[in-house]
Amino acid sequence: MPGARGPIAVYYEHPRWFEPLFAELERRGTPYLKMPAEARFYDPANLAAERGVGLVFNRMSPSAYRRGGGHHIHYTLGWLAHLEGQGLRVVNGERAFRHEISKALQLSLLRALGLPFPHAHVFCRAADAPRAAVGLRFPVVVKPNVGGSGAGVTRFDAPEQLAEAARADALDLGLDSVALVQEFVPARGSFITRVEVVGGKFLYAIRVHLTGETFDLCPADICRTTGGESLDIACPVEAPKAGLRVEGYEPPQSVIADVERIVAAAGIEVGGVEYLVDDRDGRIYYYDINALSNFVSDGKRVVGFDPFVRLVDFLEREAGFGH
């Protein structure tokens, strides 16, 4: 366990998502620093700005570019590598964030681990999307390589629709002008499952029941339980969810083992992995790896405990606060 006892620095971009984390740190009286990404700079020659910090908890979101914060993304990669190169403890460091901001890299990792994922091709020009889709089964989705909360994902039911969108330059290739065209998998039971980890170990899982009308599935933004009961924590203004339902779920041990392998290979200590069961063949397919986990709204009601308590327990141990 690290011996440092400096404050826990939380590095973040979104102004509201981490209020429950800050509230839990304040409730305990745990020393911490808010480290907003805006207007930051660093000196590659030293760690002056971070001197005395016990650890840095990286909470940068890949969807920052959707809020005018795209300049933070590559800055964060270099800064995290700088911190780790100087020996500072970073939770969800450069390797984790590199996987967070590349859906293509996520699929390569799943392939290396021998785990199933929906068939996809990676391309970098909108005009190339129809050729990239050759050999894939329609319907397909086009998704930006740098994503977050389903940002920019579009479904196409036939090759002609995709070709027309490519001709009209109507495809969203996102921040780095790289995208995936991927087979759309019909979810058995009309739900996906998200498995969360803290310290690289299983924390909880939730089933998110789909409406079929959105790919924006950030679990912290889901507003209702499966019984239709409103959750105590309001949905963020940025992404209100109409009609999505959520429930706690205990996944098979084989899935838990897969998820822990995935996050270990990606360097993710706090995050989530999403999967679904293909309604056509009954197979599990993993499709998203997340280093940024906001946790489900009103965790006590949905999964039976407050995930932020477990998260702060972990952060305090890693910062050397003596649990």
C-alpha atoms as a PDB file:
ATOM      1  CA  MET A   1       0.000   0.000   0.000  1.00  0.00           C
ATOM      2  CA  PRO A   2       1.362   3.433  -0.856  1.00  0.00           C
ATOM      3  CA  GLY A   3       2.628   5.411   2.092  1.00  0.00           C
ATOM      4  CA  ALA A   4       1.620   8.863   0.867  1.00  0.00           C
ATOM      5  CA  ARG A   5      -0.967  10.702   2.968  1.00  0.00           C
ATOM      6  CA  GLY A   6      -1.536  13.779   0.864  1.00  0.00           C
ATOM      7  CA  PRO A   7      -5.009  14.689  -0.340  1.00  0.00           C
ATOM      8  CA  ILE A   8      -6.879  12.746  -2.997  1.00  0.00           C
ATOM      9  CA  ALA A   9      -6.953  14.900  -6.144  1.00  0.00           C
ATOM     10  CA  VAL A  10     -10.014  14.346  -8.329  1.00  0.00           C
ATOM     11  CA  TYR A  11      -9.352  15.422 -11.921  1.00  0.00           C
ATOM     12  CA  TYR A  12     -12.558  15.998 -13.864  1.00  0.00           C
ATOM     13  CA  GLU A  13     -14.265  17.945 -16.640  1.00  0.00           C
ATOM     14  CA  HIS A  14     -18.006  17.641 -16.046  1.00  0.00           C
ATOM     15  CA  PRO A  15     -19.195  20.135 -13.389  1.00  0.00           C
ATOM     16  CA  ARG A  16     -21.982  17.968 -11.915  1.00  0.00           C
ATOM     17  CA  TRP A  17     -21.285  14.273 -12.356  1.00  0.00           C
ATOM     18  CA  PHE A  18     -19.021  13.884  -9.326  1.00  0.00           C
ATOM     19  CA  GLU A  19     -21.032  15.681  -6.676  1.00  0.00           C
ATOM     20  CA  PRO A  20     -21.871  12.368  -4.906  1.00  0.00           C
ATOM     21  CA  LEU A  21     -18.156  11.524  -4.767  1.00  0.00           C
ATOM     22  CA  PHE A  22     -17.296  14.929  -3.309  1.00  0.00           C
ATOM     23  CA  ALA A  23     -20.162  14.616  -0.830  1.00  0.00           C
ATOM     24  CA  GLU A  24     -18.883  11.266   0.447  1.00  0.00           C
ATOM     25  CA  LEU A  25     -15.334  12.588   0.798  1.00  0.00           C
ATOM     26  CA  GLU A  26     -16.645  15.599   2.723  1.00  0.00           C
ATOM     27  CA  ARG A  27     -18.878  13.451   4.924  1.00  0.00           C
ATOM     28  CA  ARG A  28     -15.817  11.499   6.065  1.00  0.00           C
ATOM     29  CA  GLY A  29     -13.546  14.519   6.334  1.00  0.00           C
ATOM     30  CA  THR A  30     -11.144  12.906   3.866  1.00  0.00           C
ATOM     31  CA  PRO A  31      -8.605  15.417   2.523  1.00  0.00           C
ATOM     32  CA  TYR A  32      -9.227  15.963  -1.172  1.00  0.00           C
ATOM     33  CA  LEU A  33      -8.740  18.489  -3.938  1.00  0.00           C
ATOM     34  CA  LYS A  34     -11.050  19.329  -6.793  1.00  0.00           C
ATOM     35  CA  MET A  35      -8.904  19.493  -9.905  1.00  0.00           C
ATOM     36  CA  PRO A  36     -11.058  20.754 -12.806  1.00  0.00           C
ATOM     37  CA  ALA A  37      -9.505  20.254 -16.224  1.00  0.00           C
ATOM     38  CA  GLU A  38     -10.256  23.756 -17.458  1.00  0.00           C
ATOM     39  CA  ALA A  39      -7.348  26.241 -17.570  1.00  0.00           C
ATOM     40  CA  ARG A  40      -4.747  23.718 -16.397  1.00  0.00           C
ATOM     41  CA  PHE A  41      -1.125  23.401 -17.474  1.00  0.00           C
ATOM     42  CA  TYR A  42       1.868  21.358 -16.353  1.00  0.00           C
ATOM     43  CA  ASP A  43       5.656  21.532 -16.459  1.00  0.00           C
ATOM     44  CA  PRO A  44       7.178  18.335 -17.906  1.00  0.00           C
ATOM     45  CA  ALA A  45      10.318  19.047 -15.881  1.00  0.00           C
ATOM     46  CA  ASN A  46       8.683  18.598 -12.488  1.00  0.00           C
ATOM     47  CA  LEU A  47       5.559  17.906 -10.426  1.00  0.00           C
ATOM     48  CA  ALA A  48       5.298  21.306  -8.757  1.00  0.00           C
ATOM     49  CA  ALA A  49       1.546  21.599  -9.216  1.00  0.00           C
ATOM     50  CA  GLU A  50       0.918  18.089  -7.867  1.00  0.00           C
ATOM     51  CA  ARG A  51       3.472  18.106  -5.050  1.00  0.00           C
ATOM     52  CA  GLY A  52       1.986  16.794  -1.824  1.00  0.00           C
ATOM     53  CA  VAL A  53      -0.918  15.021  -3.509  1.00  0.00           C
ATOM     54  CA  GLY A  54      -1.480  11.466  -2.287  1.00  0.00           C
ATOM     55  CA  LEU A  55      -2.967  10.250  -5.541  1.00  0.00           C
ATOM     56  CA  VAL A  56      -4.767  11.543  -8.607  1.00  0.00           C
ATOM     57  CA  PHE A  57      -8.122  10.016  -9.526  1.00  0.00           C
ATOM     58  CA  ASN A  58      -8.714  10.546 -13.244  1.00  0.00           C
ATOM     59  CA  ARG A  59     -12.373  11.279 -14.049  1.00  0.00           C
ATOM     60  CA  MET A  60     -11.936  12.808 -17.506  1.00  0.00           C
ATOM     61  CA  SER A  61     -14.814  11.977 -19.850  1.00  0.00           C
ATOM     62  CA  PRO A  62     -14.367  11.081 -23.527  1.00  0.00           C
ATOM     63  CA  SER A  63     -17.631  12.895 -24.218  1.00  0.00           C
ATOM     64  CA  ALA A  64     -16.012  16.181 -23.139  1.00  0.00           C
ATOM     65  CA  TYR A  65     -15.708  17.099 -26.807  1.00  0.00           C
ATOM     66  CA  ARG A  66     -19.508  17.179 -26.950  1.00  0.00           C
ATOM     67  CA  ARG A  67     -19.437  19.980 -24.384  1.00  0.00           C
ATOM     68  CA  GLY A  68     -16.697  22.050 -25.997  1.00  0.00           C
ATOM     69  CA  GLY A  69     -13.936  20.271 -24.078  1.00  0.00           C
ATOM     70  CA  GLY A  70     -12.284  18.248 -26.820  1.00  0.00           C
ATOM     71  CA  HIS A  71      -8.982  20.020 -26.176  1.00  0.00           C
ATOM     72  CA  HIS A  72      -8.826  18.250 -22.801  1.00  0.00           C
ATOM     73  CA  ILE A  73      -8.671  14.738 -24.278  1.00  0.00           C
ATOM     74  CA  HIS A  74      -5.148  14.548 -25.691  1.00  0.00           C
ATOM     75  CA  TYR A  75      -3.838  16.937 -23.047  1.00  0.00           C
ATOM     76  CA  THR A  76      -5.021  14.445 -20.429  1.00  0.00           C
ATOM     77  CA  LEU A  77      -3.154  11.558 -22.069  1.00  0.00           C
ATOM     78  CA  GLY A  78       0.146  13.425 -21.898  1.00  0.00           C
ATOM     79  CA  TRP A  79      -0.445  14.721 -18.392  1.00  0.00           C
ATOM     80  CA  LEU A  80      -1.321  11.283 -16.995  1.00  0.00           C
ATOM     81  CA  ALA A  81       1.797   9.778 -18.566  1.00  0.00           C
ATOM     82  CA  HIS A  82       3.806  12.619 -17.033  1.00  0.00           C
ATOM     83  CA  LEU A  83       2.396  11.950 -13.566  1.00  0.00           C
ATOM     84  CA  GLU A  84       2.998   8.218 -13.756  1.00  0.00           C
ATOM     85  CA  GLY A  85       6.491   8.744 -15.148  1.00  0.00           C
ATOM     86  CA  GLN A  86       7.290  10.831 -12.089  1.00  0.00           C
ATOM     87  CA  GLY A  87       6.052   8.074  -9.777  1.00  0.00           C
ATOM     88  CA  LEU A  88       2.781   9.652  -8.651  1.00  0.00           C
ATOM     89  CA  ARG A  89      -0.037   7.225  -7.919  1.00  0.00           C
ATOM     90  CA  VAL A  90      -2.790   7.635 -10.509  1.00  0.00           C
ATOM     91  CA  VAL A  91      -6.082   5.721 -10.451  1.00  0.00           C
ATOM     92  CA  ASN A  92      -7.222   5.123 -14.033  1.00  0.00           C
ATOM     93  CA  GLY A  93      -4.015   6.378 -15.543  1.00  0.00           C
ATOM     94  CA  GLU A  94      -2.738   6.794 -19.081  1.00  0.00           C
ATOM     95  CA  ARG A  95      -3.340   3.185 -20.201  1.00  0.00           C
ATOM     96  CA  ALA A  96      -6.887   3.179 -18.842  1.00  0.00           C
ATOM     97  CA  PHE A  97      -7.684   6.506 -20.465  1.00  0.00           C
ATOM     98  CA  ARG A  98      -6.206   5.402 -23.778  1.00  0.00           C
ATOM     99  CA  HIS A  99      -8.709   2.540 -23.817  1.00  0.00           C
ATOM    100  CA  GLU A 100     -11.493   4.875 -22.685  1.00  0.00           C
ATOM    101  CA  ILE A 101     -11.061   7.119 -25.712  1.00  0.00           C
ATOM    102  CA  SER A 102     -10.788   4.430 -28.396  1.00  0.00           C
ATOM    103  CA  LYS A 103     -13.592   2.006 -29.146  1.00  0.00           C
ATOM    104  CA  ALA A 104     -11.321   0.473 -31.792  1.00  0.00           C
ATOM    105  CA  LEU A 105      -8.668  -0.244 -29.163  1.00  0.00           C
ATOM    106  CA  GLN A 106     -11.336  -1.738 -26.906  1.00  0.00           C
ATOM    107  CA  LEU A 107     -12.293  -4.250 -29.588  1.00  0.00           C
ATOM    108  CA  SER A 108      -8.656  -5.152 -30.196  1.00  0.00           C
ATOM    109  CA  LEU A 109      -8.295  -5.818 -26.483  1.00  0.00           C
ATOM    110  CA  LEU A 110     -11.389  -8.036 -26.447  1.00  0.00           C
ATOM    111  CA  ARG A 111      -9.967  -9.939 -29.421  1.00  0.00           C
ATOM    112  CA  ALA A 112      -6.649 -10.421 -27.629  1.00  0.00           C
ATOM    113  CA  LEU A 113      -8.513 -11.820 -24.625  1.00  0.00           C
ATOM    114  CA  GLY A 114     -10.526 -14.190 -26.820  1.00  0.00           C
ATOM    115  CA  LEU A 115     -13.830 -12.599 -25.808  1.00  0.00           C
ATOM    116  CA  PRO A 116     -16.815 -12.141 -28.160  1.00  0.00           C
ATOM    117  CA  PHE A 117     -17.875  -8.736 -29.459  1.00  0.00           C
ATOM    118  CA  PRO A 118     -20.094  -7.568 -32.320  1.00  0.00           C
ATOM    119  CA  HIS A 119     -18.326  -7.734 -35.685  1.00  0.00           C
ATOM    120  CA  ALA A 120     -17.023  -4.302 -36.673  1.00  0.00           C
ATOM    121  CA  HIS A 121     -14.735  -2.503 -39.118  1.00  0.00           C
ATOM    122  CA  VAL A 122     -12.798   0.698 -38.384  1.00  0.00           C
ATOM    123  CA  PHE A 123     -12.571   3.536 -40.916  1.00  0.00           C
ATOM    124  CA  CYS A 124     -11.487   7.171 -41.000  1.00  0.00           C
ATOM    125  CA  ARG A 125     -13.388   8.899 -43.838  1.00  0.00           C
ATOM    126  CA  ALA A 126     -17.158   9.174 -44.121  1.00  0.00           C
ATOM    127  CA  ALA A 127     -16.900   8.278 -47.800  1.00  0.00           C
ATOM    128  CA  ASP A 128     -15.329   4.931 -46.860  1.00  0.00           C
ATOM    129  CA  ALA A 129     -18.202   3.812 -44.620  1.00  0.00           C
ATOM    130  CA  PRO A 130     -20.066   1.807 -47.323  1.00  0.00           C
ATOM    131  CA  ARG A 131     -16.919  -0.128 -48.260  1.00  0.00           C
ATOM    132  CA  ALA A 132     -16.117  -0.655 -44.585  1.00  0.00           C
ATOM    133  CA  ALA A 133     -19.566  -2.180 -44.097  1.00  0.00           C
ATOM    134  CA  VAL A 134     -19.032  -4.861 -46.741  1.00  0.00           C
ATOM    135  CA  GLY A 135     -19.160  -8.272 -45.092  1.00  0.00           C
ATOM    136  CA  LEU A 136     -21.169  -7.025 -42.109  1.00  0.00           C
ATOM    137  CA  ARG A 137     -24.736  -8.058 -41.409  1.00  0.00           C
ATOM    138  CA  PHE A 138     -27.284  -5.237 -41.459  1.00  0.00           C
ATOM    139  CA  PRO A 139     -28.593  -3.423 -39.549  1.00  0.00           C
ATOM    140  CA  VAL A 140     -25.366  -1.744 -38.486  1.00  0.00           C
ATOM    141  CA  VAL A 141     -24.460   1.198 -36.286  1.00  0.00           C
ATOM    142  CA  VAL A 142     -21.822   3.804 -36.980  1.00  0.00           C
ATOM    143  CA  LYS A 143     -20.182   5.018 -33.801  1.00  0.00           C
ATOM    144  CA  PRO A 144     -17.375   7.540 -33.247  1.00  0.00           C
ATOM    145  CA  ASN A 145     -14.137   6.046 -31.965  1.00  0.00           C
ATOM    146  CA  VAL A 146     -14.096   8.634 -29.163  1.00  0.00           C
ATOM    147  CA  GLY A 147     -17.499   8.238 -27.609  1.00  0.00           C
ATOM    148  CA  GLY A 148     -19.119   8.454 -24.211  1.00  0.00           C
ATOM    149  CA  SER A 149     -22.778   7.923 -23.232  1.00  0.00           C
ATOM    150  CA  GLY A 150     -23.680   6.755 -26.724  1.00  0.00           C
ATOM    151  CA  ALA A 151     -22.655  10.041 -28.315  1.00  0.00           C
ATOM    152  CA  GLY A 152     -23.020  10.133 -32.085  1.00  0.00           C
ATOM    153  CA  VAL A 153     -24.156   6.518 -32.572  1.00  0.00           C
ATOM    154  CA  THR A 154     -26.448   6.084 -35.591  1.00  0.00           C
ATOM    155  CA  ARG A 155     -28.254   2.995 -36.875  1.00  0.00           C
ATOM    156  CA  PHE A 156     -28.617   2.051 -40.538  1.00  0.00           C
ATOM    157  CA  ASP A 157     -30.984  -0.724 -41.558  1.00  0.00           C
ATOM    158  CA  ALA A 158     -29.781  -1.159 -45.150  1.00  0.00           C
ATOM    159  CA  PRO A 159     -26.608  -0.522 -47.189  1.00  0.00           C
ATOM    160  CA  GLU A 160     -28.460   2.075 -49.256  1.00  0.00           C
ATOM    161  CA  GLN A 161     -29.190   4.163 -46.157  1.00  0.00           C
ATOM    162  CA  LEU A 162     -25.543   4.099 -45.121  1.00  0.00           C
ATOM    163  CA  ALA A 163     -24.400   4.979 -48.649  1.00  0.00           C
ATOM    164  CA  GLU A 164     -26.775   7.940 -48.756  1.00  0.00           C
ATOM    165  CA  ALA A 165     -25.514   9.229 -45.391  1.00  0.00           C
ATOM    166  CA  ALA A 166     -21.930   8.882 -46.612  1.00  0.00           C
ATOM    167  CA  ARG A 167     -22.692  10.795 -49.808  1.00  0.00           C
ATOM    168  CA  ALA A 168     -24.357  13.544 -47.786  1.00  0.00           C
ATOM    169  CA  ASP A 169     -21.391  13.679 -45.392  1.00  0.00           C
ATOM    170  CA  ALA A 170     -23.909  13.069 -42.598  1.00  0.00           C
ATOM    171  CA  LEU A 171     -21.862  10.579 -40.565  1.00  0.00           C
ATOM    172  CA  ASP A 172     -20.463  11.611 -37.191  1.00  0.00           C
ATOM    173  CA  LEU A 173     -16.816  10.514 -36.993  1.00  0.00           C
ATOM    174  CA  GLY A 174     -16.215  12.380 -33.756  1.00  0.00           C
ATOM    175  CA  LEU A 175     -13.143  14.009 -32.312  1.00  0.00           C
ATOM    176  CA  ASP A 176     -10.415  12.013 -34.075  1.00  0.00           C
ATOM    177  CA  SER A 177     -12.238  11.410 -37.384  1.00  0.00           C
ATOM    178  CA  VAL A 178     -12.179   7.657 -36.745  1.00  0.00           C
ATOM    179  CA  ALA A 179     -15.323   5.555 -36.480  1.00  0.00           C
ATOM    180  CA  LEU A 180     -16.591   1.997 -36.318  1.00  0.00           C
ATOM    181  CA  VAL A 181     -19.278   0.454 -38.467  1.00  0.00           C
ATOM    182  CA  GLN A 182     -20.543  -2.398 -36.344  1.00  0.00           C
ATOM    183  CA  GLU A 183     -23.250  -5.028 -36.598  1.00  0.00           C
ATOM    184  CA  PHE A 184     -26.301  -4.101 -34.544  1.00  0.00           C
ATOM    185  CA  VAL A 185     -27.099  -6.899 -32.101  1.00  0.00           C
ATOM    186  CA  PRO A 186     -30.744  -7.273 -31.006  1.00  0.00           C
ATOM    187  CA  ALA A 187     -30.685  -7.562 -27.221  1.00  0.00           C
ATOM    188  CA  ARG A 188     -32.520 -10.531 -25.764  1.00  0.00           C
ATOM    189  CA  GLY A 189     -35.062  -9.273 -23.263  1.00  0.00           C
ATOM    190  CA  SER A 190     -34.562  -5.731 -24.596  1.00  0.00           C
ATOM    191  CA  PHE A 191     -31.918  -4.930 -22.012  1.00  0.00           C
ATOM    192  CA  ILE A 192     -28.172  -4.534 -21.747  1.00  0.00           C
ATOM    193  CA  THR A 193     -26.076  -5.288 -18.664  1.00  0.00           C
ATOM    194  CA  ARG A 194     -23.412  -3.030 -17.218  1.00  0.00           C
ATOM    195  CA  VAL A 195     -20.927  -4.479 -14.725  1.00  0.00           C
ATOM    196  CA  GLU A 196     -19.065  -2.049 -12.462  1.00  0.00           C
ATOM    197  CA  VAL A 197     -15.697  -2.575 -10.786  1.00  0.00           C
ATOM    198  CA  VAL A 198     -13.791  -0.790  -8.051  1.00  0.00           C
ATOM    199  CA  GLY A 199     -10.181  -1.714  -7.447  1.00  0.00           C
ATOM    200  CA  GLY A 200     -10.471  -3.933 -10.504  1.00  0.00           C
ATOM    201  CA  LYS A 201     -12.983  -6.181  -8.705  1.00  0.00           C
ATOM    202  CA  PHE A 202     -16.697  -6.698  -9.208  1.00  0.00           C
ATOM    203  CA  LEU A 203     -18.848  -4.153  -7.399  1.00  0.00           C
ATOM    204  CA  TYR A 204     -22.343  -4.562  -8.854  1.00  0.00           C
ATOM    205  CA  ALA A 205     -24.242  -4.957 -12.106  1.00  0.00           C
ATOM    206  CA  ILE A 206     -27.390  -3.401 -13.494  1.00  0.00           C
ATOM    207  CA  ARG A 207     -29.737  -4.258 -16.301  1.00  0.00           C
ATOM    208  CA  VAL A 208     -30.779  -1.290 -18.412  1.00  0.00           C
ATOM    209  CA  HIS A 209     -34.074  -1.857 -20.217  1.00  0.00           C
ATOM    210  CA  LEU A 210     -34.024  -0.292 -23.662  1.00  0.00           C
ATOM    211  CA  THR A 211     -36.638   1.685 -25.533  1.00  0.00           C
ATOM    212  CA  GLY A 212     -34.989   1.110 -28.907  1.00  0.00           C
ATOM    213  CA  GLU A 213     -34.970   4.868 -29.456  1.00  0.00           C
ATOM    214  CA  THR A 214     -31.626   5.874 -27.974  1.00  0.00           C
ATOM    215  CA  PHE A 215     -28.026   4.738 -27.691  1.00  0.00           C
ATOM    216  CA  ASP A 216     -27.337   7.221 -24.869  1.00  0.00           C
ATOM    217  CA  LEU A 217     -27.073   4.781 -21.993  1.00  0.00           C
ATOM    218  CA  CYS A 218     -25.051   6.487 -19.273  1.00  0.00           C
ATOM    219  CA  PRO A 219     -26.346   4.644 -16.154  1.00  0.00           C
ATOM    220  CA  ALA A 220     -26.059   7.675 -13.882  1.00  0.00           C
ATOM    221  CA  ASP A 221     -28.649   9.421 -16.040  1.00  0.00           C
ATOM    222  CA  ILE A 222     -31.343   6.757 -15.887  1.00  0.00           C
ATOM    223  CA  CYS A 223     -34.398   8.087 -14.117  1.00  0.00           C
ATOM    224  CA  ARG A 224     -36.658   5.175 -13.226  1.00  0.00           C
ATOM    225  CA  THR A 225     -36.562   1.738 -11.633  1.00  0.00           C
ATOM    226  CA  THR A 226     -38.124  -1.241 -13.439  1.00  0.00           C
ATOM    227  CA  GLY A 227     -41.271  -0.583 -11.428  1.00  0.00           C
ATOM    228  CA  GLY A 228     -41.500   2.907 -12.869  1.00  0.00           C
ATOM    229  CA  GLU A 229     -40.523   4.549  -9.571  1.00  0.00           C
ATOM    230  CA  SER A 230     -38.618   7.816  -9.891  1.00  0.00           C
ATOM    231  CA  LEU A 231     -35.126   7.797  -8.404  1.00  0.00           C
ATOM    232  CA  ASP A 232     -34.202  10.259  -5.671  1.00  0.00           C
ATOM    233  CA  ILE A 233     -31.257  11.718  -7.574  1.00  0.00           C
ATOM    234  CA  ALA A 234     -32.347  13.889 -10.492  1.00  0.00           C
ATOM    235  CA  CYS A 235     -31.128  13.031 -13.962  1.00  0.00           C
ATOM    236  CA  PRO A 236     -28.490  15.427 -15.291  1.00  0.00           C
ATOM    237  CA  VAL A 237     -29.937  18.227 -17.355  1.00  0.00           C
ATOM    238  CA  GLU A 238     -27.595  17.363 -20.224  1.00  0.00           C
ATOM    239  CA  ALA A 239     -29.127  13.965 -20.965  1.00  0.00           C
ATOM    240  CA  PRO A 240     -32.595  13.346 -19.557  1.00  0.00           C
ATOM    241  CA  LYS A 241     -33.763   9.820 -20.032  1.00  0.00           C
ATOM    242  CA  ALA A 242     -37.342   9.206 -21.071  1.00  0.00           C
ATOM    243  CA  GLY A 243     -38.619   5.688 -20.529  1.00  0.00           C
ATOM    244  CA  LEU A 244     -35.404   3.883 -19.571  1.00  0.00           C
ATOM    245  CA  ARG A 245     -35.680   1.511 -16.637  1.00  0.00           C
ATOM    246  CA  VAL A 246     -32.942  -0.042 -14.503  1.00  0.00           C
ATOM    247  CA  GLU A 247     -32.604  -2.846 -11.961  1.00  0.00           C
ATOM    248  CA  GLY A 248     -29.835  -4.471  -9.973  1.00  0.00           C
ATOM    249  CA  TYR A 249     -28.611  -7.809 -11.301  1.00  0.00           C
ATOM    250  CA  GLU A 250     -26.203 -10.575 -10.287  1.00  0.00           C
ATOM    251  CA  PRO A 251     -24.338 -11.717 -13.421  1.00  0.00           C
ATOM    252  CA  PRO A 252     -22.901 -15.222 -13.852  1.00  0.00           C
ATOM    253  CA  GLN A 253     -19.498 -15.827 -12.296  1.00  0.00           C
ATOM    254  CA  SER A 254     -18.086 -16.394 -15.763  1.00  0.00           C
ATOM    255  CA  VAL A 255     -19.101 -12.858 -16.748  1.00  0.00           C
ATOM    256  CA  ILE A 256     -17.611 -11.400 -13.582  1.00  0.00           C
ATOM    257  CA  ALA A 257     -14.354 -13.203 -14.345  1.00  0.00           C
ATOM    258  CA  ASP A 258     -14.405 -11.903 -17.935  1.00  0.00           C
ATOM    259  CA  VAL A 259     -15.020  -8.331 -16.786  1.00  0.00           C
ATOM    260  CA  GLU A 260     -12.187  -8.464 -14.258  1.00  0.00           C
ATOM    261  CA  ARG A 261      -9.864  -9.769 -16.985  1.00  0.00           C
ATOM    262  CA  ILE A 262     -10.937  -6.967 -19.305  1.00  0.00           C
ATOM    263  CA  VAL A 263     -10.351  -4.135 -16.850  1.00  0.00           C
ATOM    264  CA  ALA A 264      -7.023  -5.599 -15.735  1.00  0.00           C
ATOM    265  CA  ALA A 265      -5.818  -5.748 -19.331  1.00  0.00           C
ATOM    266  CA  ALA A 266      -6.995  -2.168 -19.936  1.00  0.00           C
ATOM    267  CA  GLY A 267      -5.436  -0.786 -16.743  1.00  0.00           C
ATOM    268  CA  ILE A 268      -8.863   0.270 -15.438  1.00  0.00           C
ATOM    269  CA  GLU A 269      -9.310   0.232 -11.670  1.00  0.00           C
ATOM    270  CA  VAL A 270     -12.682   1.983 -11.499  1.00  0.00           C
ATOM    271  CA  GLY A 271     -15.045   1.544 -14.420  1.00  0.00           C
ATOM    272  CA  GLY A 272     -17.607  -0.601 -16.154  1.00  0.00           C
ATOM    273  CA  VAL A 273     -18.058  -3.093 -18.968  1.00  0.00           C
ATOM    274  CA  GLU A 274     -21.280  -3.476 -20.927  1.00  0.00           C
ATOM    275  CA  TYR A 275     -22.589  -6.584 -22.614  1.00  0.00           C
ATOM    276  CA  LEU A 276     -25.783  -8.003 -24.068  1.00  0.00           C
ATOM    277  CA  VAL A 277     -27.166 -11.353 -25.114  1.00  0.00           C
ATOM    278  CA  ASP A 278     -27.873 -11.710 -28.830  1.00  0.00           C
ATOM    279  CA  ASP A 279     -31.537 -12.576 -29.234  1.00  0.00           C
ATOM    280  CA  ARG A 280     -30.698 -14.557 -32.402  1.00  0.00           C
ATOM    281  CA  ASP A 281     -28.199 -17.033 -30.973  1.00  0.00           C
ATOM    282  CA  GLY A 282     -28.210 -16.562 -27.184  1.00  0.00           C
ATOM    283  CA  ARG A 283     -24.516 -15.618 -27.083  1.00  0.00           C
ATOM    284  CA  ILE A 284     -23.028 -12.933 -24.864  1.00  0.00           C
ATOM    285  CA  TYR A 285     -21.274 -10.068 -26.643  1.00  0.00           C
ATOM    286  CA  TYR A 286     -19.156  -7.457 -24.873  1.00  0.00           C
ATOM    287  CA  TYR A 287     -19.320  -4.103 -26.614  1.00  0.00           C
ATOM    288  CA  ASP A 288     -18.153  -1.236 -24.402  1.00  0.00           C
ATOM    289  CA  ILE A 289     -15.334  -0.702 -21.897  1.00  0.00           C
ATOM    290  CA  ASN A 290     -15.553   2.362 -19.665  1.00  0.00           C
ATOM    291  CA  ALA A 291     -12.915   3.937 -17.452  1.00  0.00           C
ATOM    292  CA  LEU A 292     -15.365   6.637 -16.397  1.00  0.00           C
ATOM    293  CA  SER A 293     -18.124   5.325 -14.163  1.00  0.00           C
ATOM    294  CA  ASN A 294     -20.621   7.691 -12.613  1.00  0.00           C
ATOM    295  CA  PHE A 295     -22.540   4.851 -10.927  1.00  0.00           C
ATOM    296  CA  VAL A 296     -26.255   4.347 -11.123  1.00  0.00           C
ATOM    297  CA  SER A 297     -28.564   6.992  -9.659  1.00  0.00           C
ATOM    298  CA  ASP A 298     -29.816   6.177  -6.149  1.00  0.00           C
ATOM    299  CA  GLY A 299     -27.615   3.118  -5.746  1.00  0.00           C
ATOM    300  CA  LYS A 300     -29.079   2.166  -2.362  1.00  0.00           C
ATOM    301  CA  ARG A 301     -32.451   1.512  -3.922  1.00  0.00           C
ATOM    302  CA  VAL A 302     -31.260  -0.030  -7.178  1.00  0.00           C
ATOM    303  CA  VAL A 303     -28.359  -2.252  -6.041  1.00  0.00           C
ATOM    304  CA  GLY A 304     -28.796  -2.225  -2.265  1.00  0.00           C
ATOM    305  CA  PHE A 305     -25.856  -0.046  -1.226  1.00  0.00           C
ATOM    306  CA  ASP A 306     -24.160   3.267  -1.985  1.00  0.00           C
ATOM    307  CA  PRO A 307     -21.361   2.590  -4.510  1.00  0.00           C
ATOM    308  CA  PHE A 308     -19.623   5.843  -3.567  1.00  0.00           C
ATOM    309  CA  VAL A 309     -18.938   4.489  -0.077  1.00  0.00           C
ATOM    310  CA  ARG A 310     -17.056   1.527  -1.586  1.00  0.00           C
ATOM    311  CA  LEU A 311     -15.283   3.845  -4.010  1.00  0.00           C
ATOM    312  CA  VAL A 312     -14.021   6.167  -1.284  1.00  0.00           C
ATOM    313  CA  ASP A 313     -12.967   3.165   0.822  1.00  0.00           C
ATOM    314  CA  PHE A 314     -10.770   2.148  -2.120  1.00  0.00           C
ATOM    315  CA  LEU A 315      -9.388   5.637  -2.720  1.00  0.00           C
ATOM    316  CA  GLU A 316      -8.521   6.082   0.951  1.00  0.00           C
ATOM    317  CA  ARG A 317      -6.646   2.776   0.997  1.00  0.00           C
ATOM    318  CA  GLU A 318      -4.725   3.677  -2.129  1.00  0.00           C
ATOM    319  CA  ALA A 319      -3.867   7.127  -0.745  1.00  0.00           C
ATOM    320  CA  GLY A 320      -2.532   5.528   2.440  1.00  0.00           C
ATOM    321  CA  PHE A 321      -5.185   6.665   4.875  1.00  0.00           C
ATOM    322  CA  GLY A 322      -4.905   3.447   6.817  1.00  0.00           C
ATOM    323  CA  HIS A 323      -7.977   1.242   6.396  1.00  0.00           C
END
